[in-house]
PDB file of N, CA and C in Angstrom:
ATOM      1  N   MET A   1     -50.298 -18.649  31.652  1.00  0.00           N
ATOM      2  CA  MET A   1     -51.668 -18.166  31.657  1.00  0.00           C
ATOM      3  C   MET A   1     -52.367 -18.658  30.405  1.00  0.00           C
ATOM      4  N   PHE A   2     -53.537 -19.230  30.582  1.00  0.00           N
ATOM      5  CA  PHE A   2     -54.328 -19.681  29.457  1.00  0.00           C
ATOM      6  C   PHE A   2     -55.085 -18.506  28.858  1.00  0.00           C
ATOM      7  N   PRO A   3     -55.273 -18.480  27.553  1.00  0.00           N
ATOM      8  CA  PRO A   3     -56.007 -17.360  26.947  1.00  0.00           C
ATOM      9  C   PRO A   3     -57.455 -17.362  27.404  1.00  0.00           C
ATOM     10  N   THR A   4     -57.927 -16.208  27.776  1.00  0.00           N
ATOM     11  CA  THR A   4     -59.309 -16.062  28.213  1.00  0.00           C
ATOM     12  C   THR A   4     -60.152 -15.574  27.045  1.00  0.00           C
ATOM     13  N   PRO A   5     -61.481 -15.717  27.130  1.00  0.00           N
ATOM     14  CA  PRO A   5     -62.324 -15.206  26.046  1.00  0.00           C
ATOM     15  C   PRO A   5     -62.150 -13.712  25.812  1.00  0.00           C
ATOM     16  N   ARG A   6     -61.912 -12.948  26.887  1.00  0.00           N
ATOM     17  CA  ARG A   6     -61.695 -11.514  26.718  1.00  0.00           C
ATOM     18  C   ARG A   6     -60.423 -11.254  25.925  1.00  0.00           C
ATOM     19  N   LEU A   7     -59.388 -12.045  26.224  1.00  0.00           N
ATOM     20  CA  LEU A   7     -58.121 -11.872  25.533  1.00  0.00           C
ATOM     21  C   LEU A   7     -58.269 -12.196  24.053  1.00  0.00           C
ATOM     22  N   LEU A   8     -59.052 -13.217  23.754  1.00  0.00           N
ATOM     23  CA  LEU A   8     -59.252 -13.596  22.368  1.00  0.00           C
ATOM     24  C   LEU A   8     -60.173 -12.629  21.637  1.00  0.00           C
ATOM     25  N   SER A   9     -61.018 -11.903  22.377  1.00  0.00           N
ATOM     26  CA  SER A   9     -61.935 -10.975  21.720  1.00  0.00           C
ATOM     27  C   SER A   9     -61.199  -9.781  21.108  1.00  0.00           C
ATOM     28  N   PHE A  10     -59.971  -9.519  21.550  1.00  0.00           N
ATOM     29  CA  PHE A  10     -59.182  -8.442  20.975  1.00  0.00           C
ATOM     30  C   PHE A  10     -58.449  -8.896  19.722  1.00  0.00           C
ATOM     31  N   GLY A  11     -58.654 -10.126  19.293  1.00  0.00           N
ATOM     32  CA  GLY A  11     -57.971 -10.632  18.122  1.00  0.00           C
ATOM     33  C   GLY A  11     -56.527 -10.993  18.401  1.00  0.00           C
ATOM     34  N   GLY A  12     -56.240 -11.368  19.653  1.00  0.00           N
ATOM     35  CA  GLY A  12     -54.877 -11.733  20.007  1.00  0.00           C
ATOM     36  C   GLY A  12     -53.997 -10.543  20.340  1.00  0.00           C
ATOM     37  N   ARG A  13     -54.444  -9.330  20.045  1.00  0.00           N
ATOM     38  CA  ARG A  13     -53.682  -8.124  20.345  1.00  0.00           C
ATOM     39  C   ARG A  13     -54.453  -7.300  21.358  1.00  0.00           C
ATOM     40  N   LEU A  14     -53.750  -6.767  22.316  1.00  0.00           N
ATOM     41  CA  LEU A  14     -54.379  -5.977  23.361  1.00  0.00           C
ATOM     42  C   LEU A  14     -54.146  -4.496  23.123  1.00  0.00           C
ATOM     43  N   PRO A  15     -55.115  -3.657  23.499  1.00  0.00           N
ATOM     44  CA  PRO A  15     -54.918  -2.212  23.356  1.00  0.00           C
ATOM     45  C   PRO A  15     -54.023  -1.633  24.443  1.00  0.00           C
ATOM     46  N   ILE A  16     -53.571  -2.473  25.389  1.00  0.00           N
ATOM     47  CA  ILE A  16     -52.694  -1.997  26.451  1.00  0.00           C
ATOM     48  C   ILE A  16     -51.314  -2.592  26.237  1.00  0.00           C
ATOM     49  N   GLY A  17     -50.298  -1.887  26.684  1.00  0.00           N
ATOM     50  CA  GLY A  17     -48.941  -2.377  26.503  1.00  0.00           C
ATOM     51  C   GLY A  17     -48.383  -2.936  27.794  1.00  0.00           C
ATOM     52  N   GLY A  18     -47.271  -3.618  27.718  1.00  0.00           N
ATOM     53  CA  GLY A  18     -46.602  -4.138  28.895  1.00  0.00           C
ATOM     54  C   GLY A  18     -47.089  -5.505  29.303  1.00  0.00           C
ATOM     55  N   PHE A  19     -46.912  -5.799  30.572  1.00  0.00           N
ATOM     56  CA  PHE A  19     -47.258  -7.106  31.125  1.00  0.00           C
ATOM     57  C   PHE A  19     -48.772  -7.283  31.178  1.00  0.00           C
ATOM     58  N   VAL A  20     -49.247  -8.480  30.875  1.00  0.00           N
ATOM     59  CA  VAL A  20     -50.689  -8.729  30.873  1.00  0.00           C
ATOM     60  C   VAL A  20     -50.988  -9.981  31.681  1.00  0.00           C
ATOM     61  N   ASN A  21     -51.848  -9.841  32.671  1.00  0.00           N
ATOM     62  CA  ASN A  21     -52.440 -10.967  33.362  1.00  0.00           C
ATOM     63  C   ASN A  21     -53.898 -10.616  33.646  1.00  0.00           C
ATOM     64  N   THR A  22     -54.606 -11.464  34.345  1.00  0.00           N
ATOM     65  CA  THR A  22     -56.036 -11.221  34.547  1.00  0.00           C
ATOM     66  C   THR A  22     -56.291  -9.958  35.355  1.00  0.00           C
ATOM     67  N   ARG A  23     -55.418  -9.658  36.307  1.00  0.00           N
ATOM     68  CA  ARG A  23     -55.612  -8.446  37.110  1.00  0.00           C
ATOM     69  C   ARG A  23     -55.452  -7.188  36.265  1.00  0.00           C
ATOM     70  N   VAL A  24     -54.490  -7.198  35.369  1.00  0.00           N
ATOM     71  CA  VAL A  24     -54.261  -6.044  34.488  1.00  0.00           C
ATOM     72  C   VAL A  24     -55.431  -5.891  33.525  1.00  0.00           C
ATOM     73  N   LEU A  25     -55.921  -7.012  32.995  1.00  0.00           N
ATOM     74  CA  LEU A  25     -57.087  -6.952  32.105  1.00  0.00           C
ATOM     75  C   LEU A  25     -58.311  -6.413  32.832  1.00  0.00           C
ATOM     76  N   ARG A  26     -58.531  -6.880  34.063  1.00  0.00           N
ATOM     77  CA  ARG A  26     -59.673  -6.417  34.845  1.00  0.00           C
ATOM     78  C   ARG A  26     -59.561  -4.928  35.141  1.00  0.00           C
ATOM     79  N   ASP A  27     -58.351  -4.470  35.488  1.00  0.00           N
ATOM     80  CA  ASP A  27     -58.156  -3.053  35.766  1.00  0.00           C
ATOM     81  C   ASP A  27     -58.361  -2.224  34.507  1.00  0.00           C
ATOM     82  N   HIS A  28     -57.931  -2.728  33.364  1.00  0.00           N
ATOM     83  CA  HIS A  28     -58.137  -2.019  32.100  1.00  0.00           C
ATOM     84  C   HIS A  28     -59.634  -1.903  31.790  1.00  0.00           C
ATOM     85  N   GLN A  29     -60.369  -2.967  32.055  1.00  0.00           N
ATOM     86  CA  GLN A  29     -61.816  -2.944  31.831  1.00  0.00           C
ATOM     87  C   GLN A  29     -62.484  -1.945  32.776  1.00  0.00           C
ATOM     88  N   LYS A  30     -62.042  -1.892  34.031  1.00  0.00           N
ATOM     89  CA  LYS A  30     -62.593  -0.929  34.985  1.00  0.00           C
ATOM     90  C   LYS A  30     -62.343   0.503  34.525  1.00  0.00           C
ATOM     91  N   ARG A  31     -61.154   0.747  33.983  1.00  0.00           N
ATOM     92  CA  ARG A  31     -60.840   2.092  33.490  1.00  0.00           C
ATOM     93  C   ARG A  31     -61.730   2.490  32.323  1.00  0.00           C
ATOM     94  N   GLN A  32     -62.014   1.556  31.437  1.00  0.00           N
ATOM     95  CA  GLN A  32     -62.887   1.851  30.297  1.00  0.00           C
ATOM     96  C   GLN A  32     -64.315   2.131  30.757  1.00  0.00           C
ATOM     97  N   VAL A  33     -64.831   1.336  31.693  1.00  0.00           N
ATOM     98  CA  VAL A  33     -66.198   1.529  32.196  1.00  0.00           C
ATOM     99  C   VAL A  33     -66.289   2.853  32.937  1.00  0.00           C
ATOM    100  N   PHE A  34     -65.266   3.183  33.734  1.00  0.00           N
ATOM    101  CA  PHE A  34     -65.266   4.446  34.458  1.00  0.00           C
ATOM    102  C   PHE A  34     -65.271   5.634  33.502  1.00  0.00           C
ATOM    103  N   ALA A  35     -64.443   5.580  32.468  1.00  0.00           N
ATOM    104  CA  ALA A  35     -64.367   6.681  31.509  1.00  0.00           C
ATOM    105  C   ALA A  35     -65.684   6.864  30.755  1.00  0.00           C
ATOM    106  N   ALA A  36     -66.367   5.766  30.463  1.00  0.00           N
ATOM    107  CA  ALA A  36     -67.624   5.855  29.728  1.00  0.00           C
ATOM    108  C   ALA A  36     -68.745   6.448  30.573  1.00  0.00           C
ATOM    109  N   ASN A  37     -68.706   6.254  31.890  1.00  0.00           N
ATOM    110  CA  ASN A  37     -69.804   6.679  32.767  1.00  0.00           C
ATOM    111  C   ASN A  37     -69.459   7.840  33.683  1.00  0.00           C
ATOM    112  N   GLU A  38     -68.297   8.437  33.522  1.00  0.00           N
ATOM    113  CA  GLU A  38     -67.853   9.470  34.459  1.00  0.00           C
ATOM    114  C   GLU A  38     -68.764  10.694  34.468  1.00  0.00           C
ATOM    115  N   THR A  39     -69.129  11.221  33.306  1.00  0.00           N
ATOM    116  CA  THR A  39     -69.941  12.439  33.269  1.00  0.00           C
ATOM    117  C   THR A  39     -71.344  12.188  33.813  1.00  0.00           C
ATOM    118  N   HIS A  40     -71.919  11.042  33.472  1.00  0.00           N
ATOM    119  CA  HIS A  40     -73.258  10.712  33.977  1.00  0.00           C
ATOM    120  C   HIS A  40     -73.235  10.546  35.496  1.00  0.00           C
ATOM    121  N   ARG A  41     -72.215   9.894  36.007  1.00  0.00           N
ATOM    122  CA  ARG A  41     -72.095   9.694  37.453  1.00  0.00           C
ATOM    123  C   ARG A  41     -71.901  11.027  38.183  1.00  0.00           C
ATOM    124  N   ASN A  42     -71.080  11.919  37.623  1.00  0.00           N
ATOM    125  CA  ASN A  42     -70.861  13.227  38.247  1.00  0.00           C
ATOM    126  C   ASN A  42     -72.136  14.057  38.251  1.00  0.00           C
ATOM    127  N   ALA A  43     -72.930  13.967  37.190  1.00  0.00           N
ATOM    128  CA  ALA A  43     -74.196  14.697  37.147  1.00  0.00           C
ATOM    129  C   ALA A  43     -75.153  14.181  38.219  1.00  0.00           C
ATOM    130  N   LEU A  44     -75.224  12.871  38.366  1.00  0.00           N
ATOM    131  CA  LEU A  44     -76.095  12.304  39.403  1.00  0.00           C
ATOM    132  C   LEU A  44     -75.618  12.670  40.803  1.00  0.00           C
ATOM    133  N   ARG A  45     -74.304  12.697  40.994  1.00  0.00           N
ATOM    134  CA  ARG A  45     -73.770  13.087  42.305  1.00  0.00           C
ATOM    135  C   ARG A  45     -74.107  14.540  42.615  1.00  0.00           C
ATOM    136  N   TYR A  46     -74.042  15.392  41.594  1.00  0.00           N
ATOM    137  CA  TYR A  46     -74.383  16.800  41.797  1.00  0.00           C
ATOM    138  C   TYR A  46     -75.856  16.937  42.186  1.00  0.00           C
ATOM    139  N   LEU A  47     -76.724  16.214  41.480  1.00  0.00           N
ATOM    140  CA  LEU A  47     -78.156  16.284  41.799  1.00  0.00           C
ATOM    141  C   LEU A  47     -78.444  15.747  43.190  1.00  0.00           C
ATOM    142  N   ALA A  48     -77.782  14.688  43.565  1.00  0.00           N
ATOM    143  CA  ALA A  48     -78.045  14.079  44.871  1.00  0.00           C
ATOM    144  C   ALA A  48     -77.549  14.947  46.020  1.00  0.00           C
ATOM    145  N   ARG A  49     -76.526  15.734  45.795  1.00  0.00           N
ATOM    146  CA  ARG A  49     -75.944  16.535  46.878  1.00  0.00           C
ATOM    147  C   ARG A  49     -76.436  17.977  46.915  1.00  0.00           C
ATOM    148  N   ASN A  50     -77.160  18.414  45.894  1.00  0.00           N
ATOM    149  CA  ASN A  50     -77.639  19.787  45.837  1.00  0.00           C
ATOM    150  C   ASN A  50     -78.839  19.940  46.767  1.00  0.00           C
ATOM    151  N   THR A  51     -78.687  20.712  47.820  1.00  0.00           N
ATOM    152  CA  THR A  51     -79.747  20.857  48.823  1.00  0.00           C
ATOM    153  C   THR A  51     -80.846  21.812  48.390  1.00  0.00           C
ATOM    154  N   THR A  52     -80.650  22.574  47.313  1.00  0.00           N
ATOM    155  CA  THR A  52     -81.688  23.491  46.861  1.00  0.00           C
ATOM    156  C   THR A  52     -82.747  22.789  46.008  1.00  0.00           C
ATOM    157  N   LEU A  53     -82.460  21.581  45.556  1.00  0.00           N
ATOM    158  CA  LEU A  53     -83.419  20.821  44.741  1.00  0.00           C
ATOM    159  C   LEU A  53     -84.439  20.115  45.629  1.00  0.00           C
ATOM    160  N   PRO A  54     -85.599  19.759  45.068  1.00  0.00           N
ATOM    161  CA  PRO A  54     -86.594  19.027  45.859  1.00  0.00           C
ATOM    162  C   PRO A  54     -86.068  17.653  46.291  1.00  0.00           C
ATOM    163  N   MET A  55     -86.564  17.186  47.407  1.00  0.00           N
ATOM    164  CA  MET A  55     -86.089  15.936  47.986  1.00  0.00           C
ATOM    165  C   MET A  55     -86.378  14.729  47.088  1.00  0.00           C
ATOM    166  N   THR A  56     -87.506  14.744  46.374  1.00  0.00           N
ATOM    167  CA  THR A  56     -87.828  13.593  45.517  1.00  0.00           C
ATOM    168  C   THR A  56     -86.815  13.448  44.379  1.00  0.00           C
ATOM    169  N   LEU A  57     -86.415  14.572  43.785  1.00  0.00           N
ATOM    170  CA  LEU A  57     -85.425  14.542  42.720  1.00  0.00           C
ATOM    171  C   LEU A  57     -84.072  14.056  43.239  1.00  0.00           C
ATOM    172  N   ARG A  58     -83.711  14.513  44.430  1.00  0.00           N
ATOM    173  CA  ARG A  58     -82.458  14.090  45.040  1.00  0.00           C
ATOM    174  C   ARG A  58     -82.471  12.601  45.352  1.00  0.00           C
ATOM    175  N   MET A  59     -83.592  12.102  45.820  1.00  0.00           N
ATOM    176  CA  MET A  59     -83.687  10.676  46.143  1.00  0.00           C
ATOM    177  C   MET A  59     -83.632   9.822  44.877  1.00  0.00           C
ATOM    178  N   LYS A  60     -84.257  10.272  43.792  1.00  0.00           N
ATOM    179  CA  LYS A  60     -84.191   9.535  42.526  1.00  0.00           C
ATOM    180  C   LYS A  60     -82.755   9.466  42.011  1.00  0.00           C
ATOM    181  N   ALA A  61     -82.045  10.584  42.116  1.00  0.00           N
ATOM    182  CA  ALA A  61     -80.643  10.602  41.682  1.00  0.00           C
ATOM    183  C   ALA A  61     -79.804   9.663  42.543  1.00  0.00           C
ATOM    184  N   GLN A  62     -80.081   9.647  43.838  1.00  0.00           N
ATOM    185  CA  GLN A  62     -79.338   8.756  44.733  1.00  0.00           C
ATOM    186  C   GLN A  62     -79.627   7.294  44.431  1.00  0.00           C
ATOM    187  N   MET A  63     -80.875   6.980  44.101  1.00  0.00           N
ATOM    188  CA  MET A  63     -81.235   5.603  43.757  1.00  0.00           C
ATOM    189  C   MET A  63     -80.554   5.181  42.454  1.00  0.00           C
ATOM    190  N   GLN A  64     -80.482   6.087  41.473  1.00  0.00           N
ATOM    191  CA  GLN A  64     -79.793   5.760  40.227  1.00  0.00           C
ATOM    192  C   GLN A  64     -78.299   5.551  40.462  1.00  0.00           C
ATOM    193  N   LEU A  65     -77.721   6.336  41.367  1.00  0.00           N
ATOM    194  CA  LEU A  65     -76.313   6.144  41.707  1.00  0.00           C
ATOM    195  C   LEU A  65     -76.088   4.772  42.339  1.00  0.00           C
ATOM    196  N   ASN A  66     -77.010   4.372  43.217  1.00  0.00           N
ATOM    197  CA  ASN A  66     -76.871   3.080  43.885  1.00  0.00           C
ATOM    198  C   ASN A  66     -77.029   1.918  42.917  1.00  0.00           C
ATOM    199  N   GLU A  67     -77.793   2.115  41.845  1.00  0.00           N
ATOM    200  CA  GLU A  67     -78.023   1.046  40.880  1.00  0.00           C
ATOM    201  C   GLU A  67     -76.901   0.919  39.854  1.00  0.00           C
ATOM    202  N   MET A  68     -76.027   1.924  39.768  1.00  0.00           N
ATOM    203  CA  MET A  68     -74.924   1.860  38.806  1.00  0.00           C
ATOM    204  C   MET A  68     -73.924   0.783  39.228  1.00  0.00           C
ATOM    205  N   HIS A  69     -73.222   0.244  38.248  1.00  0.00           N
ATOM    206  CA  HIS A  69     -72.243  -0.810  38.503  1.00  0.00           C
ATOM    207  C   HIS A  69     -71.085  -0.268  39.339  1.00  0.00           C
ATOM    208  N   CYS A  70     -70.475  -1.131  40.126  1.00  0.00           N
ATOM    209  CA  CYS A  70     -69.393  -0.684  41.005  1.00  0.00           C
ATOM    210  C   CYS A  70     -68.148  -0.242  40.227  1.00  0.00           C
ATOM    211  N   HIS A  71     -67.986  -0.719  38.994  1.00  0.00           N
ATOM    212  CA  HIS A  71     -66.810  -0.334  38.222  1.00  0.00           C
ATOM    213  C   HIS A  71     -66.890   1.104  37.709  1.00  0.00           C
ATOM    214  N   THR A  72     -68.015   1.772  37.903  1.00  0.00           N
ATOM    215  CA  THR A  72     -68.122   3.161  37.479  1.00  0.00           C
ATOM    216  C   THR A  72     -67.518   4.112  38.510  1.00  0.00           C
ATOM    217  N   ARG A  73     -67.069   3.585  39.642  1.00  0.00           N
ATOM    218  CA  ARG A  73     -66.469   4.418  40.689  1.00  0.00           C
ATOM    219  C   ARG A  73     -64.969   4.560  40.468  1.00  0.00           C
ATOM    220  N   ARG A  74     -64.449   5.716  40.838  1.00  0.00           N
ATOM    221  CA  ARG A  74     -63.024   6.007  40.681  1.00  0.00           C
ATOM    222  C   ARG A  74     -62.176   5.140  41.612  1.00  0.00           C
ATOM    223  N   VAL A  75     -62.683   4.800  42.781  1.00  0.00           N
ATOM    224  CA  VAL A  75     -61.887   4.060  43.760  1.00  0.00           C
ATOM    225  C   VAL A  75     -61.630   2.620  43.335  1.00  0.00           C
ATOM    226  N   GLN A  76     -62.329   2.128  42.322  1.00  0.00           N
ATOM    227  CA  GLN A  76     -62.122   0.766  41.855  1.00  0.00           C
ATOM    228  C   GLN A  76     -60.862   0.633  41.009  1.00  0.00           C
ATOM    229  N   ILE A  77     -60.360   1.754  40.502  1.00  0.00           N
ATOM    230  CA  ILE A  77     -59.183   1.734  39.633  1.00  0.00           C
ATOM    231  C   ILE A  77     -57.929   1.703  40.496  1.00  0.00           C
ATOM    232  N   ARG A  78     -57.007   0.820  40.139  1.00  0.00           N
ATOM    233  CA  ARG A  78     -55.773   0.668  40.889  1.00  0.00           C
ATOM    234  C   ARG A  78     -54.590   0.852  39.938  1.00  0.00           C
ATOM    235  N   ASN A  79     -53.598   1.620  40.399  1.00  0.00           N
ATOM    236  CA  ASN A  79     -52.391   1.784  39.599  1.00  0.00           C
ATOM    237  C   ASN A  79     -51.594   0.490  39.630  1.00  0.00           C
ATOM    238  N   ARG A  80     -51.210   0.010  38.456  1.00  0.00           N
ATOM    239  CA  ARG A  80     -50.450  -1.234  38.353  1.00  0.00           C
ATOM    240  C   ARG A  80     -49.174  -1.002  37.561  1.00  0.00           C
ATOM    241  N   CYS A  81     -48.173  -1.792  37.888  1.00  0.00           N
ATOM    242  CA  CYS A  81     -46.881  -1.721  37.201  1.00  0.00           C
ATOM    243  C   CYS A  81     -47.051  -2.218  35.768  1.00  0.00           C
ATOM    244  N   ILE A  82     -46.497  -1.464  34.807  1.00  0.00           N
ATOM    245  CA  ILE A  82     -46.621  -1.876  33.411  1.00  0.00           C
ATOM    246  C   ILE A  82     -45.649  -2.989  33.062  1.00  0.00           C
ATOM    247  N   MET A  83     -44.645  -3.211  33.899  1.00  0.00           N
ATOM    248  CA  MET A  83     -43.666  -4.255  33.640  1.00  0.00           C
ATOM    249  C   MET A  83     -44.072  -5.596  34.247  1.00  0.00           C
ATOM    250  N   SER A  84     -44.630  -5.564  35.462  1.00  0.00           N
ATOM    251  CA  SER A  84     -44.904  -6.816  36.158  1.00  0.00           C
ATOM    252  C   SER A  84     -46.367  -7.007  36.533  1.00  0.00           C
ATOM    253  N   GLY A  85     -47.186  -5.970  36.467  1.00  0.00           N
ATOM    254  CA  GLY A  85     -48.583  -6.076  36.860  1.00  0.00           C
ATOM    255  C   GLY A  85     -48.789  -5.969  38.357  1.00  0.00           C
ATOM    256  N   TYR A  86     -47.724  -5.691  39.105  1.00  0.00           N
ATOM    257  CA  TYR A  86     -47.791  -5.592  40.563  1.00  0.00           C
ATOM    258  C   TYR A  86     -48.611  -4.364  40.949  1.00  0.00           C
ATOM    259  N   GLY A  87     -49.407  -4.466  42.013  1.00  0.00           N
ATOM    260  CA  GLY A  87     -50.316  -3.389  42.370  1.00  0.00           C
ATOM    261  C   GLY A  87     -49.909  -2.569  43.571  1.00  0.00           C
ATOM    262  N   ARG A  88     -48.761  -2.863  44.145  1.00  0.00           N
ATOM    263  CA  ARG A  88     -48.340  -2.104  45.323  1.00  0.00           C
ATOM    264  C   ARG A  88     -47.059  -1.343  45.033  1.00  0.00           C
ATOM    265  N   SER A  89     -46.893  -0.242  45.738  1.00  0.00           N
ATOM    266  CA  SER A  89     -45.711   0.630  45.644  1.00  0.00           C
ATOM    267  C   SER A  89     -45.372   0.972  44.191  1.00  0.00           C
ATOM    268  N   VAL A  90     -46.369   1.496  43.488  1.00  0.00           N
ATOM    269  CA  VAL A  90     -46.189   1.883  42.088  1.00  0.00           C
ATOM    270  C   VAL A  90     -45.932   3.384  42.030  1.00  0.00           C
ATOM    271  N   PHE A  91     -44.827   3.777  41.384  1.00  0.00           N
ATOM    272  CA  PHE A  91     -44.540   5.192  41.176  1.00  0.00           C
ATOM    273  C   PHE A  91     -45.410   5.695  40.034  1.00  0.00           C
ATOM    274  N   ARG A  92     -46.207   6.724  40.299  1.00  0.00           N
ATOM    275  CA  ARG A  92     -47.134   7.236  39.286  1.00  0.00           C
ATOM    276  C   ARG A  92     -46.411   7.809  38.079  1.00  0.00           C
ATOM    277  N   ASP A  93     -45.312   8.502  38.325  1.00  0.00           N
ATOM    278  CA  ASP A  93     -44.602   9.162  37.230  1.00  0.00           C
ATOM    279  C   ASP A  93     -44.050   8.168  36.213  1.00  0.00           C
ATOM    280  N   PHE A  94     -43.632   7.009  36.690  1.00  0.00           N
ATOM    281  CA  PHE A  94     -43.005   6.025  35.815  1.00  0.00           C
ATOM    282  C   PHE A  94     -43.904   4.822  35.540  1.00  0.00           C
ATOM    283  N   ARG A  95     -44.999   4.687  36.275  1.00  0.00           N
ATOM    284  CA  ARG A  95     -45.933   3.559  36.174  1.00  0.00           C
ATOM    285  C   ARG A  95     -45.217   2.225  36.352  1.00  0.00           C
ATOM    286  N   MET A  96     -44.270   2.204  37.313  1.00  0.00           N
ATOM    287  CA  MET A  96     -43.522   0.986  37.618  1.00  0.00           C
ATOM    288  C   MET A  96     -43.480   0.797  39.123  1.00  0.00           C
ATOM    289  N   CYS A  97     -43.447  -0.474  39.542  1.00  0.00           N
ATOM    290  CA  CYS A  97     -43.279  -0.752  40.960  1.00  0.00           C
ATOM    291  C   CYS A  97     -41.832  -0.480  41.338  1.00  0.00           C
ATOM    292  N   ARG A  98     -41.568  -0.423  42.620  1.00  0.00           N
ATOM    293  CA  ARG A  98     -40.242  -0.021  43.082  1.00  0.00           C
ATOM    294  C   ARG A  98     -39.149  -0.982  42.626  1.00  0.00           C
ATOM    295  N   PHE A  99     -39.453  -2.272  42.609  1.00  0.00           N
ATOM    296  CA  PHE A  99     -38.437  -3.244  42.207  1.00  0.00           C
ATOM    297  C   PHE A  99     -38.088  -3.116  40.728  1.00  0.00           C
ATOM    298  N   GLN A 100     -39.104  -3.013  39.866  1.00  0.00           N
ATOM    299  CA  GLN A 100     -38.853  -2.846  38.433  1.00  0.00           C
ATOM    300  C   GLN A 100     -38.191  -1.505  38.154  1.00  0.00           C
ATOM    301  N   PHE A 101     -38.575  -0.477  38.927  1.00  0.00           N
ATOM    302  CA  PHE A 101     -37.936   0.829  38.774  1.00  0.00           C
ATOM    303  C   PHE A 101     -36.450   0.730  39.078  1.00  0.00           C
ATOM    304  N   ARG A 102     -36.116   0.014  40.148  1.00  0.00           N
ATOM    305  CA  ARG A 102     -34.715  -0.138  40.540  1.00  0.00           C
ATOM    306  C   ARG A 102     -33.925  -0.897  39.467  1.00  0.00           C
ATOM    307  N   LEU A 103     -34.500  -1.989  38.981  1.00  0.00           N
ATOM    308  CA  LEU A 103     -33.803  -2.775  37.952  1.00  0.00           C
ATOM    309  C   LEU A 103     -33.571  -1.958  36.685  1.00  0.00           C
ATOM    310  N   ASN A 104     -34.596  -1.242  36.238  1.00  0.00           N
ATOM    311  CA  ASN A 104     -34.473  -0.458  35.009  1.00  0.00           C
ATOM    312  C   ASN A 104     -33.567   0.756  35.197  1.00  0.00           C
ATOM    313  N   ALA A 105     -33.561   1.338  36.394  1.00  0.00           N
ATOM    314  CA  ALA A 105     -32.677   2.474  36.650  1.00  0.00           C
ATOM    315  C   ALA A 105     -31.228   2.021  36.675  1.00  0.00           C
ATOM    316  N   MET A 106     -30.974   0.844  37.233  1.00  0.00           N
ATOM    317  CA  MET A 106     -29.600   0.326  37.267  1.00  0.00           C
ATOM    318  C   MET A 106     -29.102  -0.023  35.866  1.00  0.00           C
ATOM    319  N   LYS A 107     -29.999  -0.508  35.000  1.00  0.00           N
ATOM    320  CA  LYS A 107     -29.611  -0.812  33.619  1.00  0.00           C
ATOM    321  C   LYS A 107     -29.426   0.457  32.796  1.00  0.00           C
ATOM    322  N   GLY A 108     -30.031   1.557  33.255  1.00  0.00           N
ATOM    323  CA  GLY A 108     -29.941   2.810  32.523  1.00  0.00           C
ATOM    324  C   GLY A 108     -30.999   2.955  31.453  1.00  0.00           C
ATOM    325  N   SER A 109     -32.081   2.187  31.553  1.00  0.00           N
ATOM    326  CA  SER A 109     -33.123   2.256  30.524  1.00  0.00           C
ATOM    327  C   SER A 109     -34.177   3.306  30.817  1.00  0.00           C
ATOM    328  N   ILE A 110     -34.086   4.000  31.959  1.00  0.00           N
ATOM    329  CA  ILE A 110     -34.989   5.097  32.261  1.00  0.00           C
ATOM    330  C   ILE A 110     -34.236   6.408  32.066  1.00  0.00           C
ATOM    331  N   PRO A 111     -34.622   7.223  31.087  1.00  0.00           N
ATOM    332  CA  PRO A 111     -33.861   8.452  30.835  1.00  0.00           C
ATOM    333  C   PRO A 111     -33.969   9.443  31.986  1.00  0.00           C
ATOM    334  N   GLY A 112     -32.832  10.029  32.349  1.00  0.00           N
ATOM    335  CA  GLY A 112     -32.802  11.052  33.378  1.00  0.00           C
ATOM    336  C   GLY A 112     -32.720  10.530  34.795  1.00  0.00           C
ATOM    337  N   VAL A 113     -32.649   9.211  34.965  1.00  0.00           N
ATOM    338  CA  VAL A 113     -32.581   8.625  36.304  1.00  0.00           C
ATOM    339  C   VAL A 113     -31.237   7.943  36.452  1.00  0.00           C
ATOM    340  N   LYS A 114     -30.545   8.284  37.535  1.00  0.00           N
ATOM    341  CA  LYS A 114     -29.288   7.612  37.838  1.00  0.00           C
ATOM    342  C   LYS A 114     -29.169   7.462  39.346  1.00  0.00           C
ATOM    343  N   LYS A 115     -28.291   6.585  39.737  1.00  0.00           N
ATOM    344  CA  LYS A 115     -28.110   6.302  41.160  1.00  0.00           C
ATOM    345  C   LYS A 115     -27.506   7.512  41.853  1.00  0.00           C
ATOM    346  N   ALA A 116     -28.060   7.848  42.989  1.00  0.00           N
ATOM    347  CA  ALA A 116     -27.563   9.010  43.729  1.00  0.00           C
ATOM    348  C   ALA A 116     -26.312   8.623  44.510  1.00  0.00           C
ATOM    349  N   SER A 117     -25.373   9.541  44.547  1.00  0.00           N
ATOM    350  CA  SER A 117     -24.176   9.349  45.376  1.00  0.00           C
ATOM    351  C   SER A 117     -23.732  10.720  45.870  1.00  0.00           C
ATOM    352  N   TRP A 118     -23.448  10.783  47.171  1.00  0.00           N
ATOM    353  CA  TRP A 118     -22.980  12.047  47.733  1.00  0.00           C
ATOM    354  C   TRP A 118     -22.016  11.795  48.839  1.00  0.00           C
TER     355      TRP A 118
END
């Protein structure tokens, strides 16, 4: 992977740990944008859905919601594996995909996890 301008803007060091590729960087950026705009977005959603308010106020709130960037939505954030950056079958508790979880569990590097036998 060639260094991107975003990667260089951190001074060569990233605020996130683990595996880094463009998808992980993009997801990290989405998480930061979502966290910065979460309260404002929730307030606008409340105004837009409150039926006791006048219709003009509700429509203005809805228009402001539509004009907000798509990265301010919660559904844009995807759980990714911290070891490989894989975006599917990620265990939330361990933040690892199933394959990396299996490899690390077999090595014994995950505390409290061992192979089941009965």
